[in-house]
């Protein structure tokens, strides 16, 4: 008995196995941005979008620290993350791509350009760092230094559980990035000394340099500026 053929949703070419479809998609549609079922994804409300944007900011900041032990590769996931929210957040970005065979989205941001773009998407300039007002130290998402540029990578994939003749599906969003820490200067917050240098603890707390996590204008003001 012949096996059932599998069709590529982008070019409609058929394959005898799922593995062959994956190889074809990787070779021919690696940077695909087309979402065949986009018409079925409703546009999220502003409140829903900002709910998940705030989740990004809070979870990123929870991974930031002020010691050498806080430096390195970091990752967090959000289960039950709506597919339409991920799509409408990132679908217009340069490094957004979609794999129909795996039902997986990916989007990455690199270097200072990527950091600036995420400020615009998140509507929050201080999404990438935390500052300790007592030690003059800063934990931050590393996107660029004197040697290299680095990425923040977002991905969304569908998870399925089959049990007792029932199918349970949910979407999982995963974020991968690299963190660093160091001292920040009195006159220029953008100048950061590497964490290998000795950190001098000031006698008094550094005033006026601590940023709370989510100070943002009301939604109606943001919506007016985005039009």
C-alpha atoms as a PDB file:
ATOM      1  CA  UNK A   1       0.000   0.000   0.000  1.00  0.00           C
ATOM      2  CA  UNK A   2       1.427   3.393  -0.986  1.00  0.00           C
ATOM      3  CA  UNK A   3       2.022   5.970   1.699  1.00  0.00           C
ATOM      4  CA  UNK A   4       0.049   9.190   1.736  1.00  0.00           C
ATOM      5  CA  UNK A   5       1.831  12.135   0.105  1.00  0.00           C
ATOM      6  CA  UNK A   6       2.634  15.329   2.006  1.00  0.00           C
ATOM      7  CA  UNK A   7       2.253  18.688   0.303  1.00  0.00           C
ATOM      8  CA  UNK A   8       4.374  21.813   0.736  1.00  0.00           C
ATOM      9  CA  UNK A   9       1.982  24.620   1.679  1.00  0.00           C
ATOM     10  CA  UNK A  10       4.122  27.201  -0.110  1.00  0.00           C
ATOM     11  CA  UNK A  11       4.759  25.687  -3.552  1.00  0.00           C
ATOM     12  CA  UNK A  12       2.394  22.653  -3.411  1.00  0.00           C
ATOM     13  CA  UNK A  13       5.099  20.158  -4.305  1.00  0.00           C
ATOM     14  CA  UNK A  14       4.396  16.712  -2.831  1.00  0.00           C
ATOM     15  CA  UNK A  15       6.704  14.429  -0.856  1.00  0.00           C
ATOM     16  CA  UNK A  16       6.498  10.873   0.382  1.00  0.00           C
ATOM     17  CA  UNK A  17       7.845  11.608   3.880  1.00  0.00           C
ATOM     18  CA  UNK A  18       7.757  14.445   6.362  1.00  0.00           C
ATOM     19  CA  UNK A  19      11.557  14.435   6.533  1.00  0.00           C
ATOM     20  CA  UNK A  20      11.799  15.086   2.790  1.00  0.00           C
ATOM     21  CA  UNK A  21       9.362  17.973   3.172  1.00  0.00           C
ATOM     22  CA  UNK A  22      11.551  19.493   5.894  1.00  0.00           C
ATOM     23  CA  UNK A  23      14.653  19.213   3.706  1.00  0.00           C
ATOM     24  CA  UNK A  24      12.801  20.832   0.795  1.00  0.00           C
ATOM     25  CA  UNK A  25      11.543  23.665   2.989  1.00  0.00           C
ATOM     26  CA  UNK A  26      15.004  24.287   4.405  1.00  0.00           C
ATOM     27  CA  UNK A  27      16.551  24.377   0.914  1.00  0.00           C
ATOM     28  CA  UNK A  28      13.847  26.321  -0.944  1.00  0.00           C
ATOM     29  CA  UNK A  29      11.905  28.325   1.658  1.00  0.00           C
ATOM     30  CA  UNK A  30      14.394  28.973   4.467  1.00  0.00           C
ATOM     31  CA  UNK A  31      13.572  32.688   4.772  1.00  0.00           C
ATOM     32  CA  UNK A  32       9.873  32.415   4.033  1.00  0.00           C
ATOM     33  CA  UNK A  33       7.613  35.148   5.403  1.00  0.00           C
ATOM     34  CA  UNK A  34       4.346  33.936   3.857  1.00  0.00           C
ATOM     35  CA  UNK A  35       1.768  32.591   6.320  1.00  0.00           C
ATOM     36  CA  UNK A  36      -0.805  30.569   4.326  1.00  0.00           C
ATOM     37  CA  UNK A  37      -3.380  30.684   7.131  1.00  0.00           C
ATOM     38  CA  UNK A  38      -2.835  34.366   7.996  1.00  0.00           C
ATOM     39  CA  UNK A  39      -6.481  35.175   7.156  1.00  0.00           C
ATOM     40  CA  UNK A  40      -7.568  33.003  10.097  1.00  0.00           C
ATOM     41  CA  UNK A  41      -5.492  34.938  12.662  1.00  0.00           C
ATOM     42  CA  UNK A  42      -7.526  37.797  14.177  1.00  0.00           C
ATOM     43  CA  UNK A  43      -5.733  41.035  14.990  1.00  0.00           C
ATOM     44  CA  UNK A  44      -5.164  41.252  18.767  1.00  0.00           C
ATOM     45  CA  UNK A  45      -6.465  44.188  20.764  1.00  0.00           C
ATOM     46  CA  UNK A  46      -4.040  46.836  22.036  1.00  0.00           C
ATOM     47  CA  UNK A  47      -4.631  45.642  25.591  1.00  0.00           C
ATOM     48  CA  UNK A  48      -3.750  42.065  24.662  1.00  0.00           C
ATOM     49  CA  UNK A  49      -0.608  43.141  22.802  1.00  0.00           C
ATOM     50  CA  UNK A  50       0.654  45.228  25.716  1.00  0.00           C
ATOM     51  CA  UNK A  51      -0.128  42.454  28.187  1.00  0.00           C
ATOM     52  CA  UNK A  52       2.344  40.178  26.410  1.00  0.00           C
ATOM     53  CA  UNK A  53       4.844  42.978  25.720  1.00  0.00           C
ATOM     54  CA  UNK A  54       4.903  43.652  29.460  1.00  0.00           C
ATOM     55  CA  UNK A  55       5.449  39.926  30.019  1.00  0.00           C
ATOM     56  CA  UNK A  56       8.512  40.060  27.753  1.00  0.00           C
ATOM     57  CA  UNK A  57       9.969  43.001  29.669  1.00  0.00           C
ATOM     58  CA  UNK A  58       9.383  41.527  33.123  1.00  0.00           C
ATOM     59  CA  UNK A  59      10.763  38.089  32.229  1.00  0.00           C
ATOM     60  CA  UNK A  60      13.839  39.538  30.496  1.00  0.00           C
ATOM     61  CA  UNK A  61      14.612  41.717  33.519  1.00  0.00           C
ATOM     62  CA  UNK A  62      14.245  38.741  35.871  1.00  0.00           C
ATOM     63  CA  UNK A  63      17.194  37.145  34.046  1.00  0.00           C
ATOM     64  CA  UNK A  64      19.471  40.162  34.556  1.00  0.00           C
ATOM     65  CA  UNK A  65      21.867  40.337  37.490  1.00  0.00           C
ATOM     66  CA  UNK A  66      24.868  42.283  38.762  1.00  0.00           C
ATOM     67  CA  UNK A  67      27.548  39.607  39.266  1.00  0.00           C
ATOM     68  CA  UNK A  68      29.701  37.421  37.039  1.00  0.00           C
ATOM     69  CA  UNK A  69      27.350  34.521  37.799  1.00  0.00           C
ATOM     70  CA  UNK A  70      24.554  36.399  36.011  1.00  0.00           C
ATOM     71  CA  UNK A  71      26.521  36.608  32.751  1.00  0.00           C
ATOM     72  CA  UNK A  72      25.908  34.267  29.822  1.00  0.00           C
ATOM     73  CA  UNK A  73      23.179  32.614  27.779  1.00  0.00           C
ATOM     74  CA  UNK A  74      19.647  33.060  29.090  1.00  0.00           C
ATOM     75  CA  UNK A  75      16.291  31.685  28.049  1.00  0.00           C
ATOM     76  CA  UNK A  76      12.672  31.882  29.100  1.00  0.00           C
ATOM     77  CA  UNK A  77       9.408  30.522  27.730  1.00  0.00           C
ATOM     78  CA  UNK A  78       5.755  31.497  27.917  1.00  0.00           C
ATOM     79  CA  UNK A  79       3.295  28.638  27.437  1.00  0.00           C
ATOM     80  CA  UNK A  80      -0.196  29.305  26.072  1.00  0.00           C
ATOM     81  CA  UNK A  81       1.190  32.258  24.101  1.00  0.00           C
ATOM     82  CA  UNK A  82      -1.332  33.207  21.352  1.00  0.00           C
ATOM     83  CA  UNK A  83      -0.116  32.651  17.807  1.00  0.00           C
ATOM     84  CA  UNK A  84      -1.801  35.806  16.507  1.00  0.00           C
ATOM     85  CA  UNK A  85      -0.015  37.983  19.098  1.00  0.00           C
ATOM     86  CA  UNK A  86       3.387  36.670  18.018  1.00  0.00           C
ATOM     87  CA  UNK A  87       2.555  37.149  14.333  1.00  0.00           C
ATOM     88  CA  UNK A  88       1.279  40.717  14.688  1.00  0.00           C
ATOM     89  CA  UNK A  89       4.242  41.688  16.868  1.00  0.00           C
ATOM     90  CA  UNK A  90       6.930  40.485  14.473  1.00  0.00           C
ATOM     91  CA  UNK A  91       5.526  39.781  10.983  1.00  0.00           C
ATOM     92  CA  UNK A  92       6.914  43.000   9.462  1.00  0.00           C
ATOM     93  CA  UNK A  93      10.436  42.582  10.839  1.00  0.00           C
ATOM     94  CA  UNK A  94      13.381  41.940   8.531  1.00  0.00           C
ATOM     95  CA  UNK A  95      14.427  38.670  10.184  1.00  0.00           C
ATOM     96  CA  UNK A  96      10.954  37.210  10.688  1.00  0.00           C
ATOM     97  CA  UNK A  97      10.391  33.806   9.088  1.00  0.00           C
ATOM     98  CA  UNK A  98       7.828  31.006   9.188  1.00  0.00           C
ATOM     99  CA  UNK A  99       8.070  27.252   8.608  1.00  0.00           C
ATOM    100  CA  UNK A 100       4.664  25.807   7.611  1.00  0.00           C
ATOM    101  CA  UNK A 101       5.926  22.220   7.904  1.00  0.00           C
ATOM    102  CA  UNK A 102       6.937  22.728  11.535  1.00  0.00           C
ATOM    103  CA  UNK A 103       4.313  25.402  12.233  1.00  0.00           C
ATOM    104  CA  UNK A 104       7.088  27.480  13.758  1.00  0.00           C
ATOM    105  CA  UNK A 105       7.887  31.211  13.674  1.00  0.00           C
ATOM    106  CA  UNK A 106      11.250  32.833  14.359  1.00  0.00           C
ATOM    107  CA  UNK A 107      12.362  36.441  14.615  1.00  0.00           C
ATOM    108  CA  UNK A 108      15.747  37.816  15.686  1.00  0.00           C
ATOM    109  CA  UNK A 109      17.208  41.236  16.488  1.00  0.00           C
ATOM    110  CA  UNK A 110      20.933  41.933  16.335  1.00  0.00           C
ATOM    111  CA  UNK A 111      23.323  44.636  17.519  1.00  0.00           C
ATOM    112  CA  UNK A 112      22.502  48.252  18.300  1.00  0.00           C
ATOM    113  CA  UNK A 113      20.012  48.386  15.417  1.00  0.00           C
ATOM    114  CA  UNK A 114      18.113  45.451  16.893  1.00  0.00           C
ATOM    115  CA  UNK A 115      18.166  47.019  20.356  1.00  0.00           C
ATOM    116  CA  UNK A 116      16.713  50.260  18.987  1.00  0.00           C
ATOM    117  CA  UNK A 117      14.002  48.376  17.106  1.00  0.00           C
ATOM    118  CA  UNK A 118      12.947  46.470  20.221  1.00  0.00           C
ATOM    119  CA  UNK A 119      12.609  49.793  22.047  1.00  0.00           C
ATOM    120  CA  UNK A 120      10.065  50.774  19.408  1.00  0.00           C
ATOM    121  CA  UNK A 121       8.196  47.461  19.538  1.00  0.00           C
ATOM    122  CA  UNK A 122       8.098  47.417  23.346  1.00  0.00           C
ATOM    123  CA  UNK A 123       7.392  51.187  23.657  1.00  0.00           C
ATOM    124  CA  UNK A 124       9.960  51.208  26.457  1.00  0.00           C
ATOM    125  CA  UNK A 125      13.555  52.476  26.261  1.00  0.00           C
ATOM    126  CA  UNK A 126      14.810  50.601  29.328  1.00  0.00           C
ATOM    127  CA  UNK A 127      13.669  47.058  28.432  1.00  0.00           C
ATOM    128  CA  UNK A 128      17.220  45.672  28.229  1.00  0.00           C
ATOM    129  CA  UNK A 129      18.841  46.526  31.575  1.00  0.00           C
ATOM    130  CA  UNK A 130      18.533  46.773  35.349  1.00  0.00           C
ATOM    131  CA  UNK A 131      20.562  49.118  37.533  1.00  0.00           C
ATOM    132  CA  UNK A 132      21.511  48.736  41.179  1.00  0.00           C
ATOM    133  CA  UNK A 133      21.280  52.206  42.792  1.00  0.00           C
ATOM    134  CA  UNK A 134      23.546  51.144  45.671  1.00  0.00           C
ATOM    135  CA  UNK A 135      26.513  49.568  43.861  1.00  0.00           C
ATOM    136  CA  UNK A 136      26.600  51.549  40.607  1.00  0.00           C
ATOM    137  CA  UNK A 137      26.369  48.272  38.655  1.00  0.00           C
ATOM    138  CA  UNK A 138      24.223  47.314  35.717  1.00  0.00           C
ATOM    139  CA  UNK A 139      22.945  44.002  34.345  1.00  0.00           C
ATOM    140  CA  UNK A 140      21.973  44.158  30.692  1.00  0.00           C
ATOM    141  CA  UNK A 141      21.128  42.247  27.532  1.00  0.00           C
ATOM    142  CA  UNK A 142      24.318  42.055  25.462  1.00  0.00           C
ATOM    143  CA  UNK A 143      23.681  43.010  21.835  1.00  0.00           C
ATOM    144  CA  UNK A 144      26.966  44.647  20.864  1.00  0.00           C
ATOM    145  CA  UNK A 145      30.459  45.187  22.249  1.00  0.00           C
ATOM    146  CA  UNK A 146      33.903  46.052  20.898  1.00  0.00           C
ATOM    147  CA  UNK A 147      34.374  42.559  19.481  1.00  0.00           C
ATOM    148  CA  UNK A 148      31.052  41.343  18.129  1.00  0.00           C
ATOM    149  CA  UNK A 149      27.298  41.722  17.774  1.00  0.00           C
ATOM    150  CA  UNK A 150      24.775  39.408  19.425  1.00  0.00           C
ATOM    151  CA  UNK A 151      21.132  38.493  18.972  1.00  0.00           C
ATOM    152  CA  UNK A 152      17.868  38.325  20.842  1.00  0.00           C
ATOM    153  CA  UNK A 153      15.886  35.464  19.300  1.00  0.00           C
ATOM    154  CA  UNK A 154      12.142  34.955  19.641  1.00  0.00           C
ATOM    155  CA  UNK A 155      10.414  31.787  18.450  1.00  0.00           C
ATOM    156  CA  UNK A 156       6.895  30.376  18.588  1.00  0.00           C
ATOM    157  CA  UNK A 157       5.913  26.750  18.053  1.00  0.00           C
ATOM    158  CA  UNK A 158       2.842  24.624  18.565  1.00  0.00           C
ATOM    159  CA  UNK A 159       2.848  21.814  21.086  1.00  0.00           C
ATOM    160  CA  UNK A 160       0.382  18.931  20.880  1.00  0.00           C
ATOM    161  CA  UNK A 161      -0.621  16.356  23.475  1.00  0.00           C
ATOM    162  CA  UNK A 162      -2.602  13.259  22.456  1.00  0.00           C
ATOM    163  CA  UNK A 163      -4.346  11.497  25.312  1.00  0.00           C
ATOM    164  CA  UNK A 164      -7.492   9.380  25.634  1.00  0.00           C
ATOM    165  CA  UNK A 165      -8.482  10.093  22.027  1.00  0.00           C
ATOM    166  CA  UNK A 166      -8.278  13.812  22.654  1.00  0.00           C
ATOM    167  CA  UNK A 167      -5.880  16.357  21.175  1.00  0.00           C
ATOM    168  CA  UNK A 168      -4.614  19.243  23.323  1.00  0.00           C
ATOM    169  CA  UNK A 169      -2.723  22.056  21.586  1.00  0.00           C
ATOM    170  CA  UNK A 170      -0.983  25.164  22.876  1.00  0.00           C
ATOM    171  CA  UNK A 171       1.515  27.703  21.607  1.00  0.00           C
ATOM    172  CA  UNK A 172       4.875  28.222  23.299  1.00  0.00           C
ATOM    173  CA  UNK A 173       6.983  31.367  22.874  1.00  0.00           C
ATOM    174  CA  UNK A 174      10.696  31.093  23.660  1.00  0.00           C
ATOM    175  CA  UNK A 175      13.241  33.917  23.949  1.00  0.00           C
ATOM    176  CA  UNK A 176      17.034  33.397  23.869  1.00  0.00           C
ATOM    177  CA  UNK A 177      19.611  36.101  24.603  1.00  0.00           C
ATOM    178  CA  UNK A 178      22.979  36.796  26.238  1.00  0.00           C
ATOM    179  CA  UNK A 179      23.488  38.889  29.369  1.00  0.00           C
ATOM    180  CA  UNK A 180      26.443  40.809  30.775  1.00  0.00           C
ATOM    181  CA  UNK A 181      27.098  43.065  33.755  1.00  0.00           C
ATOM    182  CA  UNK A 182      29.440  45.882  34.703  1.00  0.00           C
ATOM    183  CA  UNK A 183      29.740  49.414  36.044  1.00  0.00           C
ATOM    184  CA  UNK A 184      28.021  52.379  34.448  1.00  0.00           C
ATOM    185  CA  UNK A 185      29.565  55.846  34.370  1.00  0.00           C
ATOM    186  CA  UNK A 186      28.282  58.912  36.196  1.00  0.00           C
ATOM    187  CA  UNK A 187      28.337  61.091  33.077  1.00  0.00           C
ATOM    188  CA  UNK A 188      27.272  58.558  30.466  1.00  0.00           C
ATOM    189  CA  UNK A 189      24.975  55.614  31.102  1.00  0.00           C
ATOM    190  CA  UNK A 190      25.886  54.086  27.748  1.00  0.00           C
ATOM    191  CA  UNK A 191      29.553  53.620  28.793  1.00  0.00           C
ATOM    192  CA  UNK A 192      29.896  50.284  30.542  1.00  0.00           C
ATOM    193  CA  UNK A 193      33.030  48.831  32.067  1.00  0.00           C
ATOM    194  CA  UNK A 194      33.328  45.059  31.763  1.00  0.00           C
ATOM    195  CA  UNK A 195      32.547  42.925  34.769  1.00  0.00           C
ATOM    196  CA  UNK A 196      36.203  41.847  34.933  1.00  0.00           C
ATOM    197  CA  UNK A 197      37.145  45.250  36.386  1.00  0.00           C
ATOM    198  CA  UNK A 198      36.950  45.815  40.111  1.00  0.00           C
ATOM    199  CA  UNK A 199      33.619  47.317  41.108  1.00  0.00           C
ATOM    200  CA  UNK A 200      33.865  50.151  43.610  1.00  0.00           C
ATOM    201  CA  UNK A 201      30.899  50.460  45.913  1.00  0.00           C
ATOM    202  CA  UNK A 202      29.969  54.132  46.412  1.00  0.00           C
ATOM    203  CA  UNK A 203      29.427  55.456  49.899  1.00  0.00           C
ATOM    204  CA  UNK A 204      25.976  56.752  48.961  1.00  0.00           C
ATOM    205  CA  UNK A 205      23.337  55.323  46.606  1.00  0.00           C
ATOM    206  CA  UNK A 206      23.468  56.638  43.066  1.00  0.00           C
ATOM    207  CA  UNK A 207      20.437  58.878  42.762  1.00  0.00           C
ATOM    208  CA  UNK A 208      18.388  59.410  39.650  1.00  0.00           C
ATOM    209  CA  UNK A 209      19.713  56.402  37.742  1.00  0.00           C
ATOM    210  CA  UNK A 210      17.330  53.618  38.747  1.00  0.00           C
ATOM    211  CA  UNK A 211      14.586  52.932  36.201  1.00  0.00           C
ATOM    212  CA  UNK A 212      11.390  51.174  37.214  1.00  0.00           C
ATOM    213  CA  UNK A 213      10.343  48.313  34.999  1.00  0.00           C
ATOM    214  CA  UNK A 214       7.185  49.531  33.306  1.00  0.00           C
ATOM    215  CA  UNK A 215       6.638  53.309  33.266  1.00  0.00           C
ATOM    216  CA  UNK A 216       4.614  53.907  30.132  1.00  0.00           C
ATOM    217  CA  UNK A 217       2.005  56.423  28.966  1.00  0.00           C
ATOM    218  CA  UNK A 218      -1.652  55.389  28.754  1.00  0.00           C
ATOM    219  CA  UNK A 219      -2.611  53.142  25.839  1.00  0.00           C
ATOM    220  CA  UNK A 220      -4.623  55.833  24.081  1.00  0.00           C
ATOM    221  CA  UNK A 221      -1.577  58.148  23.949  1.00  0.00           C
ATOM    222  CA  UNK A 222       0.633  55.386  22.524  1.00  0.00           C
ATOM    223  CA  UNK A 223      -1.999  54.527  19.912  1.00  0.00           C
ATOM    224  CA  UNK A 224      -2.203  58.164  18.822  1.00  0.00           C
ATOM    225  CA  UNK A 225       1.593  58.341  18.290  1.00  0.00           C
ATOM    226  CA  UNK A 226       1.661  55.049  16.368  1.00  0.00           C
ATOM    227  CA  UNK A 227      -0.846  56.229  13.753  1.00  0.00           C
END
